[in-house]
Amino acid sequence: MSDGPNTSHREFHAAIREVEPGVFRAEYRGKLDPTDPDEREIPDFHLGTSLADVKIWVEQMARSMGYDRVVWDASPH
């Protein structure tokens, strides 16, 4: 067993922004298989009327795809 940091964590990167009052859009590029570095990324997004609900949806989706956590990046817009 190693005493060093665990480097096996898989991070899913996403950005979220309010596209109009009360409408939030999370944007991300996901891989179908995070353990395969050659797997092509697929751009996608999720819309919702609650910032918290959109974040929860993306985090649950990322976990179901095998990612350990979501990193929320600054929105490009």
N, C-alpha and C. Protein backbone atom coordinates (compact mmCIF):
# COMPACT_ATOMS: atom_id res chain seq x y z
N MET A 1 0.84 -1.18 0.00
CA MET A 1 0.00 0.00 0.00
C MET A 1 0.88 1.24 0.00
N SER A 2 0.53 2.22 -0.79
CA SER A 2 1.32 3.44 -0.93
C SER A 2 0.82 4.51 0.04
N ASP A 3 1.77 5.29 0.56
CA ASP A 3 1.40 6.40 1.43
C ASP A 3 1.20 7.68 0.63
N GLY A 4 1.49 7.65 -0.68
CA GLY A 4 1.38 8.83 -1.53
C GLY A 4 -0.08 9.13 -1.86
N PRO A 5 -0.29 10.24 -2.58
CA PRO A 5 -1.65 10.63 -2.95
C PRO A 5 -2.24 9.63 -3.94
N ASN A 6 -3.54 9.49 -3.89
CA ASN A 6 -4.25 8.60 -4.80
C ASN A 6 -4.40 9.30 -6.14
N THR A 7 -3.78 8.75 -7.18
CA THR A 7 -3.82 9.38 -8.50
C THR A 7 -4.86 8.73 -9.40
N SER A 8 -5.68 7.86 -8.86
CA SER A 8 -6.66 7.16 -9.68
C SER A 8 -7.95 7.95 -9.85
N HIS A 9 -8.07 9.12 -9.24
CA HIS A 9 -9.29 9.90 -9.34
C HIS A 9 -9.51 10.38 -10.77
N ARG A 10 -10.72 10.21 -11.24
CA ARG A 10 -11.11 10.65 -12.57
C ARG A 10 -11.99 11.88 -12.39
N GLU A 11 -11.59 12.97 -13.02
CA GLU A 11 -12.33 14.23 -12.89
C GLU A 11 -13.10 14.52 -14.17
N PHE A 12 -14.34 14.91 -14.00
CA PHE A 12 -15.22 15.30 -15.09
C PHE A 12 -15.32 16.82 -15.05
N HIS A 13 -14.94 17.49 -16.12
CA HIS A 13 -14.95 18.95 -16.15
C HIS A 13 -16.23 19.47 -16.80
N ALA A 14 -16.83 20.46 -16.16
CA ALA A 14 -18.06 21.07 -16.67
C ALA A 14 -18.05 22.54 -16.30
N ALA A 15 -18.85 23.30 -17.00
CA ALA A 15 -19.04 24.72 -16.70
C ALA A 15 -20.54 24.98 -16.66
N ILE A 16 -20.95 25.93 -15.85
CA ILE A 16 -22.39 26.23 -15.73
C ILE A 16 -22.58 27.73 -15.81
N ARG A 17 -23.67 28.12 -16.44
CA ARG A 17 -23.98 29.55 -16.55
C ARG A 17 -25.48 29.74 -16.61
N GLU A 18 -25.91 30.93 -16.29
CA GLU A 18 -27.32 31.27 -16.40
C GLU A 18 -27.52 31.87 -17.78
N VAL A 19 -28.30 31.20 -18.64
CA VAL A 19 -28.47 31.65 -20.03
C VAL A 19 -29.55 32.70 -20.17
N GLU A 20 -30.49 32.70 -19.25
CA GLU A 20 -31.50 33.75 -19.12
C GLU A 20 -32.03 33.63 -17.70
N PRO A 21 -32.74 34.62 -17.22
CA PRO A 21 -33.17 34.57 -15.83
C PRO A 21 -33.90 33.26 -15.49
N GLY A 22 -33.33 32.53 -14.53
CA GLY A 22 -33.94 31.31 -14.07
C GLY A 22 -33.69 30.07 -14.92
N VAL A 23 -32.82 30.18 -15.95
CA VAL A 23 -32.50 29.02 -16.80
C VAL A 23 -30.98 28.82 -16.78
N PHE A 24 -30.55 27.64 -16.36
CA PHE A 24 -29.13 27.34 -16.20
C PHE A 24 -28.72 26.25 -17.18
N ARG A 25 -27.51 26.42 -17.72
CA ARG A 25 -26.99 25.46 -18.70
C ARG A 25 -25.62 24.98 -18.24
N ALA A 26 -25.50 23.68 -18.06
CA ALA A 26 -24.21 23.06 -17.76
C ALA A 26 -23.66 22.52 -19.07
N GLU A 27 -22.42 22.86 -19.38
CA GLU A 27 -21.77 22.41 -20.61
C GLU A 27 -20.57 21.57 -20.24
N TYR A 28 -20.38 20.49 -20.98
CA TYR A 28 -19.28 19.58 -20.67
C TYR A 28 -18.92 18.76 -21.89
N ARG A 29 -17.75 18.21 -21.86
CA ARG A 29 -17.29 17.27 -22.87
C ARG A 29 -17.01 15.98 -22.12
N GLY A 30 -17.81 14.98 -22.39
CA GLY A 30 -17.66 13.73 -21.67
C GLY A 30 -17.15 12.63 -22.55
N LYS A 31 -16.50 11.68 -21.93
CA LYS A 31 -16.06 10.48 -22.62
C LYS A 31 -16.98 9.34 -22.22
N LEU A 32 -17.25 8.46 -23.15
CA LEU A 32 -18.09 7.32 -22.83
C LEU A 32 -17.40 6.40 -21.84
N ASP A 33 -16.06 6.34 -21.89
CA ASP A 33 -15.30 5.45 -21.00
C ASP A 33 -14.10 6.22 -20.48
N PRO A 34 -14.17 6.76 -19.25
CA PRO A 34 -13.06 7.58 -18.74
C PRO A 34 -11.78 6.79 -18.53
N THR A 35 -11.83 5.46 -18.54
CA THR A 35 -10.61 4.67 -18.36
C THR A 35 -9.86 4.47 -19.68
N ASP A 36 -10.46 4.85 -20.81
CA ASP A 36 -9.85 4.68 -22.13
C ASP A 36 -9.44 6.05 -22.67
N PRO A 37 -8.15 6.39 -22.64
CA PRO A 37 -7.72 7.72 -23.09
C PRO A 37 -7.94 7.95 -24.57
N ASP A 38 -8.19 6.91 -25.34
CA ASP A 38 -8.41 7.07 -26.78
C ASP A 38 -9.89 7.27 -27.13
N GLU A 39 -10.75 7.15 -26.16
CA GLU A 39 -12.18 7.31 -26.40
C GLU A 39 -12.47 8.76 -26.78
N ARG A 40 -13.24 8.96 -27.82
CA ARG A 40 -13.53 10.31 -28.31
C ARG A 40 -14.46 11.05 -27.36
N GLU A 41 -14.19 12.35 -27.18
CA GLU A 41 -15.05 13.17 -26.32
C GLU A 41 -16.29 13.59 -27.09
N ILE A 42 -17.39 13.70 -26.37
CA ILE A 42 -18.66 14.08 -26.97
C ILE A 42 -19.16 15.34 -26.27
N PRO A 43 -19.33 16.46 -27.02
CA PRO A 43 -19.86 17.67 -26.36
C PRO A 43 -21.32 17.49 -26.00
N ASP A 44 -21.71 18.05 -24.86
CA ASP A 44 -23.09 17.90 -24.42
C ASP A 44 -23.42 19.03 -23.46
N PHE A 45 -24.70 19.12 -23.08
CA PHE A 45 -25.13 20.11 -22.11
C PHE A 45 -26.40 19.63 -21.43
N HIS A 46 -26.73 20.29 -20.33
CA HIS A 46 -27.97 20.00 -19.61
C HIS A 46 -28.58 21.33 -19.19
N LEU A 47 -29.89 21.49 -19.42
CA LEU A 47 -30.61 22.70 -19.05
C LEU A 47 -31.54 22.43 -17.88
N GLY A 48 -31.73 23.44 -17.05
CA GLY A 48 -32.67 23.32 -15.95
C GLY A 48 -33.02 24.68 -15.39
N THR A 49 -34.03 24.71 -14.53
CA THR A 49 -34.48 25.97 -13.95
C THR A 49 -33.95 26.19 -12.54
N SER A 50 -33.10 25.29 -12.07
CA SER A 50 -32.50 25.43 -10.75
C SER A 50 -31.00 25.15 -10.86
N LEU A 51 -30.19 26.07 -10.40
CA LEU A 51 -28.74 25.89 -10.42
C LEU A 51 -28.35 24.62 -9.67
N ALA A 52 -28.92 24.43 -8.49
CA ALA A 52 -28.59 23.25 -7.68
C ALA A 52 -28.99 21.96 -8.38
N ASP A 53 -30.18 21.93 -8.99
CA ASP A 53 -30.64 20.73 -9.68
C ASP A 53 -29.78 20.39 -10.88
N VAL A 54 -29.35 21.39 -11.63
CA VAL A 54 -28.48 21.15 -12.78
C VAL A 54 -27.14 20.58 -12.31
N LYS A 55 -26.59 21.14 -11.24
CA LYS A 55 -25.32 20.62 -10.70
C LYS A 55 -25.48 19.17 -10.24
N ILE A 56 -26.55 18.88 -9.53
CA ILE A 56 -26.79 17.51 -9.05
C ILE A 56 -26.92 16.55 -10.23
N TRP A 57 -27.65 16.96 -11.26
CA TRP A 57 -27.84 16.09 -12.43
C TRP A 57 -26.50 15.76 -13.08
N VAL A 58 -25.66 16.79 -13.29
CA VAL A 58 -24.36 16.57 -13.92
C VAL A 58 -23.48 15.68 -13.04
N GLU A 59 -23.47 15.93 -11.74
CA GLU A 59 -22.65 15.12 -10.84
C GLU A 59 -23.09 13.66 -10.82
N GLN A 60 -24.39 13.40 -10.83
CA GLN A 60 -24.89 12.03 -10.86
C GLN A 60 -24.57 11.36 -12.20
N MET A 61 -24.72 12.09 -13.29
CA MET A 61 -24.41 11.56 -14.60
C MET A 61 -22.93 11.21 -14.69
N ALA A 62 -22.06 12.10 -14.20
CA ALA A 62 -20.61 11.85 -14.24
C ALA A 62 -20.25 10.60 -13.43
N ARG A 63 -20.83 10.46 -12.25
CA ARG A 63 -20.57 9.27 -11.44
C ARG A 63 -21.03 8.00 -12.15
N SER A 64 -22.17 8.07 -12.84
CA SER A 64 -22.67 6.89 -13.55
C SER A 64 -21.77 6.51 -14.72
N MET A 65 -20.96 7.47 -15.19
CA MET A 65 -20.02 7.21 -16.28
C MET A 65 -18.65 6.79 -15.77
N GLY A 66 -18.50 6.69 -14.44
CA GLY A 66 -17.25 6.21 -13.86
C GLY A 66 -16.31 7.29 -13.37
N TYR A 67 -16.74 8.55 -13.39
CA TYR A 67 -15.90 9.64 -12.87
C TYR A 67 -16.06 9.73 -11.37
N ASP A 68 -15.01 10.19 -10.69
CA ASP A 68 -15.04 10.30 -9.23
C ASP A 68 -15.63 11.61 -8.75
N ARG A 69 -15.42 12.67 -9.52
CA ARG A 69 -15.95 13.97 -9.11
C ARG A 69 -16.05 14.91 -10.29
N VAL A 70 -16.81 15.98 -10.09
CA VAL A 70 -16.97 17.02 -11.11
C VAL A 70 -16.15 18.23 -10.70
N VAL A 71 -15.39 18.75 -11.64
CA VAL A 71 -14.65 20.00 -11.45
C VAL A 71 -15.42 21.07 -12.22
N TRP A 72 -15.88 22.09 -11.50
CA TRP A 72 -16.65 23.15 -12.15
C TRP A 72 -15.69 24.24 -12.62
N ASP A 73 -15.51 24.32 -13.92
CA ASP A 73 -14.63 25.31 -14.54
C ASP A 73 -15.40 26.61 -14.76
N ALA A 74 -14.65 27.68 -15.00
CA ALA A 74 -15.27 28.96 -15.33
C ALA A 74 -15.97 28.83 -16.68
N SER A 75 -17.15 29.40 -16.78
CA SER A 75 -17.89 29.35 -18.03
C SER A 75 -17.19 30.19 -19.09
N PRO A 76 -17.08 29.69 -20.33
CA PRO A 76 -16.40 30.46 -21.38
C PRO A 76 -17.21 31.64 -21.88
N HIS A 77 -18.46 31.78 -21.45
CA HIS A 77 -19.33 32.85 -21.95
C HIS A 77 -19.54 33.92 -20.93
